[in-house]
Amino acid sequence: MAVAALLALGVWWLAAERRWQSALYCIEQPGTLWNGLVPLPNGLQPECPASRSYRQEVRQGESRVEQYRLPGWQPKALLDPLRQAGYRPLTDDPIAPGNYAAFLDRQGRMLHYLATLEGQTTLITLSGRP
């Protein structure tokens, strides 16, 4: 019985550790936007920052980050789904050509939205507190 329990614990630990080693470590609920807030709109490719510091912050529960790539320049592609989920835009800032930022709020929970043109694609980064 103890061996089976230790084996089960080892399998659980290995599964949990695999998430943190994966390229998509920041996506807790695949197929959804912002950890299950709404279904992920079609045409978006999830990504996570390669930075070790981001990976550590997400792992420790200090921050949450999700990234999505889509073709062309579509800086506001995720604003409507976030609005429908209750987020209210506080800012709307075209920073410079190829860069757009916004802060959104939902019941006191701030979300930073950043879109960057990278070649022929838009990379949208959502970040905030878990």
C-alpha atoms as a PDB file:
ATOM      1  CA  MET A   1       0.000   0.000   0.000  1.00  0.00           C
ATOM      2  CA  ALA A   2       2.801   2.437   0.894  1.00  0.00           C
ATOM      3  CA  VAL A   3       4.635   1.578  -2.328  1.00  0.00           C
ATOM      4  CA  ALA A   4       1.488   2.253  -4.380  1.00  0.00           C
ATOM      5  CA  ALA A   5       0.972   5.569  -2.605  1.00  0.00           C
ATOM      6  CA  LEU A   6       4.588   6.584  -3.230  1.00  0.00           C
ATOM      7  CA  LEU A   7       4.285   5.555  -6.868  1.00  0.00           C
ATOM      8  CA  ALA A   8       1.095   7.588  -7.273  1.00  0.00           C
ATOM      9  CA  LEU A   9       2.769  10.576  -5.612  1.00  0.00           C
ATOM     10  CA  GLY A  10       5.747  10.219  -7.938  1.00  0.00           C
ATOM     11  CA  VAL A  11       3.505  10.103 -11.025  1.00  0.00           C
ATOM     12  CA  TRP A  12       1.601  13.190  -9.830  1.00  0.00           C
ATOM     13  CA  TRP A  13       4.853  15.083  -9.152  1.00  0.00           C
ATOM     14  CA  LEU A  14       6.268  14.146 -12.558  1.00  0.00           C
ATOM     15  CA  ALA A  15       3.097  15.336 -14.301  1.00  0.00           C
ATOM     16  CA  ALA A  16       3.213  18.637 -12.409  1.00  0.00           C
ATOM     17  CA  GLU A  17       6.905  19.136 -13.183  1.00  0.00           C
ATOM     18  CA  ARG A  18       6.358  18.489 -16.891  1.00  0.00           C
ATOM     19  CA  ARG A  19       4.172  21.593 -17.067  1.00  0.00           C
ATOM     20  CA  TRP A  20       7.012  23.804 -15.849  1.00  0.00           C
ATOM     21  CA  GLN A  21       9.450  22.292 -18.343  1.00  0.00           C
ATOM     22  CA  SER A  22       7.051  22.659 -21.278  1.00  0.00           C
ATOM     23  CA  ALA A  23       7.078  25.540 -23.760  1.00  0.00           C
ATOM     24  CA  LEU A  24       3.431  26.234 -22.800  1.00  0.00           C
ATOM     25  CA  TYR A  25       4.029  26.347 -19.027  1.00  0.00           C
ATOM     26  CA  CYS A  26       1.947  29.538 -18.649  1.00  0.00           C
ATOM     27  CA  ILE A  27      -1.256  28.123 -20.152  1.00  0.00           C
ATOM     28  CA  GLU A  28      -3.129  26.533 -17.243  1.00  0.00           C
ATOM     29  CA  GLN A  29      -6.316  25.676 -19.128  1.00  0.00           C
ATOM     30  CA  PRO A  30      -5.552  24.996 -22.804  1.00  0.00           C
ATOM     31  CA  GLY A  31      -8.234  26.161 -25.208  1.00  0.00           C
ATOM     32  CA  THR A  32      -9.263  29.050 -22.972  1.00  0.00           C
ATOM     33  CA  LEU A  33      -8.268  32.665 -22.564  1.00  0.00           C
ATOM     34  CA  TRP A  34      -6.896  33.937 -19.247  1.00  0.00           C
ATOM     35  CA  ASN A  35      -7.115  30.673 -17.349  1.00  0.00           C
ATOM     36  CA  GLY A  36     -10.618  29.598 -18.312  1.00  0.00           C
ATOM     37  CA  LEU A  37     -12.261  33.014 -18.561  1.00  0.00           C
ATOM     38  CA  VAL A  38     -13.666  32.363 -22.051  1.00  0.00           C
ATOM     39  CA  PRO A  39     -13.010  29.858 -24.840  1.00  0.00           C
ATOM     40  CA  LEU A  40      -9.978  30.785 -26.917  1.00  0.00           C
ATOM     41  CA  PRO A  41     -11.045  32.453 -30.181  1.00  0.00           C
ATOM     42  CA  ASN A  42     -10.066  30.626 -33.374  1.00  0.00           C
ATOM     43  CA  GLY A  43      -6.801  31.416 -35.096  1.00  0.00           C
ATOM     44  CA  LEU A  44      -4.727  32.135 -31.999  1.00  0.00           C
ATOM     45  CA  GLN A  45      -1.564  30.188 -31.283  1.00  0.00           C
ATOM     46  CA  PRO A  46      -0.695  30.072 -27.551  1.00  0.00           C
ATOM     47  CA  GLU A  47       2.879  30.823 -26.464  1.00  0.00           C
ATOM     48  CA  CYS A  48       4.716  31.562 -23.235  1.00  0.00           C
ATOM     49  CA  PRO A  49       7.692  33.833 -22.554  1.00  0.00           C
ATOM     50  CA  ALA A  50      10.996  31.984 -22.714  1.00  0.00           C
ATOM     51  CA  SER A  51      12.364  34.034 -19.818  1.00  0.00           C
ATOM     52  CA  ARG A  52      13.447  32.053 -16.755  1.00  0.00           C
ATOM     53  CA  SER A  53      12.316  34.868 -14.483  1.00  0.00           C
ATOM     54  CA  TYR A  54       8.788  34.828 -15.951  1.00  0.00           C
ATOM     55  CA  ARG A  55       8.681  31.038 -15.634  1.00  0.00           C
ATOM     56  CA  GLN A  56       9.715  31.316 -11.962  1.00  0.00           C
ATOM     57  CA  GLU A  57       7.204  34.084 -11.184  1.00  0.00           C
ATOM     58  CA  VAL A  58       4.362  32.090 -12.751  1.00  0.00           C
ATOM     59  CA  ARG A  59       5.439  28.909 -10.993  1.00  0.00           C
ATOM     60  CA  GLN A  60       5.560  30.671  -7.616  1.00  0.00           C
ATOM     61  CA  GLY A  61       2.123  32.214  -8.197  1.00  0.00           C
ATOM     62  CA  GLU A  62       3.454  35.780  -8.181  1.00  0.00           C
ATOM     63  CA  SER A  63       2.136  36.597 -11.644  1.00  0.00           C
ATOM     64  CA  ARG A  64       0.190  35.183 -14.534  1.00  0.00           C
ATOM     65  CA  VAL A  65       1.113  35.622 -18.175  1.00  0.00           C
ATOM     66  CA  GLU A  66      -0.338  34.250 -21.393  1.00  0.00           C
ATOM     67  CA  GLN A  67       0.738  34.970 -24.958  1.00  0.00           C
ATOM     68  CA  TYR A  68      -1.075  34.441 -28.238  1.00  0.00           C
ATOM     69  CA  ARG A  69       0.171  34.864 -31.793  1.00  0.00           C
ATOM     70  CA  LEU A  70      -2.039  35.532 -34.805  1.00  0.00           C
ATOM     71  CA  PRO A  71      -1.405  36.498 -38.423  1.00  0.00           C
ATOM     72  CA  GLY A  72      -1.145  40.114 -39.550  1.00  0.00           C
ATOM     73  CA  TRP A  73      -1.472  43.218 -37.404  1.00  0.00           C
ATOM     74  CA  GLN A  74      -4.496  42.680 -35.154  1.00  0.00           C
ATOM     75  CA  PRO A  75      -3.614  44.525 -31.947  1.00  0.00           C
ATOM     76  CA  LYS A  76      -7.120  44.543 -30.459  1.00  0.00           C
ATOM     77  CA  ALA A  77      -8.090  40.967 -31.339  1.00  0.00           C
ATOM     78  CA  LEU A  78      -8.646  39.878 -27.714  1.00  0.00           C
ATOM     79  CA  LEU A  79     -10.304  43.014 -26.360  1.00  0.00           C
ATOM     80  CA  ASP A  80     -13.876  41.995 -27.271  1.00  0.00           C
ATOM     81  CA  PRO A  81     -13.684  38.563 -25.585  1.00  0.00           C
ATOM     82  CA  LEU A  82     -12.185  40.190 -22.492  1.00  0.00           C
ATOM     83  CA  ARG A  83     -14.922  42.855 -22.448  1.00  0.00           C
ATOM     84  CA  GLN A  84     -17.585  40.163 -22.779  1.00  0.00           C
ATOM     85  CA  ALA A  85     -16.014  38.437 -19.763  1.00  0.00           C
ATOM     86  CA  GLY A  86     -16.396  41.586 -17.673  1.00  0.00           C
ATOM     87  CA  TYR A  87     -13.110  43.417 -18.181  1.00  0.00           C
ATOM     88  CA  ARG A  88     -13.415  47.162 -18.615  1.00  0.00           C
ATOM     89  CA  PRO A  89     -10.712  49.014 -20.572  1.00  0.00           C
ATOM     90  CA  LEU A  90      -9.066  51.769 -18.535  1.00  0.00           C
ATOM     91  CA  THR A  91      -6.549  52.830 -21.178  1.00  0.00           C
ATOM     92  CA  ASP A  92      -6.251  52.531 -24.948  1.00  0.00           C
ATOM     93  CA  ASP A  93      -2.689  53.335 -26.020  1.00  0.00           C
ATOM     94  CA  PRO A  94      -1.214  52.945 -29.488  1.00  0.00           C
ATOM     95  CA  ILE A  95       2.329  53.376 -28.142  1.00  0.00           C
ATOM     96  CA  ALA A  96       4.161  53.498 -31.484  1.00  0.00           C
ATOM     97  CA  PRO A  97       3.818  51.847 -34.876  1.00  0.00           C
ATOM     98  CA  GLY A  98       3.587  48.119 -34.211  1.00  0.00           C
ATOM     99  CA  ASN A  99       2.925  48.475 -30.478  1.00  0.00           C
ATOM    100  CA  TYR A 100      -0.366  48.749 -28.614  1.00  0.00           C
ATOM    101  CA  ALA A 101      -1.068  48.609 -24.870  1.00  0.00           C
ATOM    102  CA  ALA A 102      -4.110  48.733 -22.638  1.00  0.00           C
ATOM    103  CA  PHE A 103      -4.930  48.256 -18.991  1.00  0.00           C
ATOM    104  CA  LEU A 104      -8.211  46.522 -18.188  1.00  0.00           C
ATOM    105  CA  ASP A 105     -10.035  46.081 -14.899  1.00  0.00           C
ATOM    106  CA  ARG A 106     -12.490  43.475 -13.662  1.00  0.00           C
ATOM    107  CA  GLN A 107     -13.691  43.973 -10.096  1.00  0.00           C
ATOM    108  CA  GLY A 108     -10.377  45.455  -9.032  1.00  0.00           C
ATOM    109  CA  ARG A 109      -8.279  42.849 -10.860  1.00  0.00           C
ATOM    110  CA  MET A 110      -5.934  44.603 -13.294  1.00  0.00           C
ATOM    111  CA  LEU A 111      -4.881  43.050 -16.575  1.00  0.00           C
ATOM    112  CA  HIS A 112      -2.106  44.414 -18.789  1.00  0.00           C
ATOM    113  CA  TYR A 113      -2.663  43.867 -22.509  1.00  0.00           C
ATOM    114  CA  LEU A 114       0.267  44.364 -24.884  1.00  0.00           C
ATOM    115  CA  ALA A 115       0.277  43.753 -28.648  1.00  0.00           C
ATOM    116  CA  THR A 116       3.501  43.811 -30.640  1.00  0.00           C
ATOM    117  CA  LEU A 117       3.984  43.428 -34.369  1.00  0.00           C
ATOM    118  CA  GLU A 118       6.652  40.786 -35.003  1.00  0.00           C
ATOM    119  CA  GLY A 119       7.286  40.327 -38.706  1.00  0.00           C
ATOM    120  CA  GLN A 120       3.946  39.379 -40.239  1.00  0.00           C
ATOM    121  CA  THR A 121       2.303  38.383 -36.938  1.00  0.00           C
ATOM    122  CA  THR A 122       0.865  40.001 -33.837  1.00  0.00           C
ATOM    123  CA  LEU A 123       2.015  38.759 -30.435  1.00  0.00           C
ATOM    124  CA  ILE A 124      -0.486  39.610 -27.691  1.00  0.00           C
ATOM    125  CA  THR A 125       0.717  39.294 -24.105  1.00  0.00           C
ATOM    126  CA  LEU A 126      -1.719  39.300 -21.190  1.00  0.00           C
ATOM    127  CA  SER A 127      -0.233  39.689 -17.743  1.00  0.00           C
ATOM    128  CA  GLY A 128      -1.437  40.338 -14.235  1.00  0.00           C
ATOM    129  CA  ARG A 129      -1.813  38.872 -10.780  1.00  0.00           C
ATOM    130  CA  PRO A 130      -3.202  35.359 -10.446  1.00  0.00           C
END
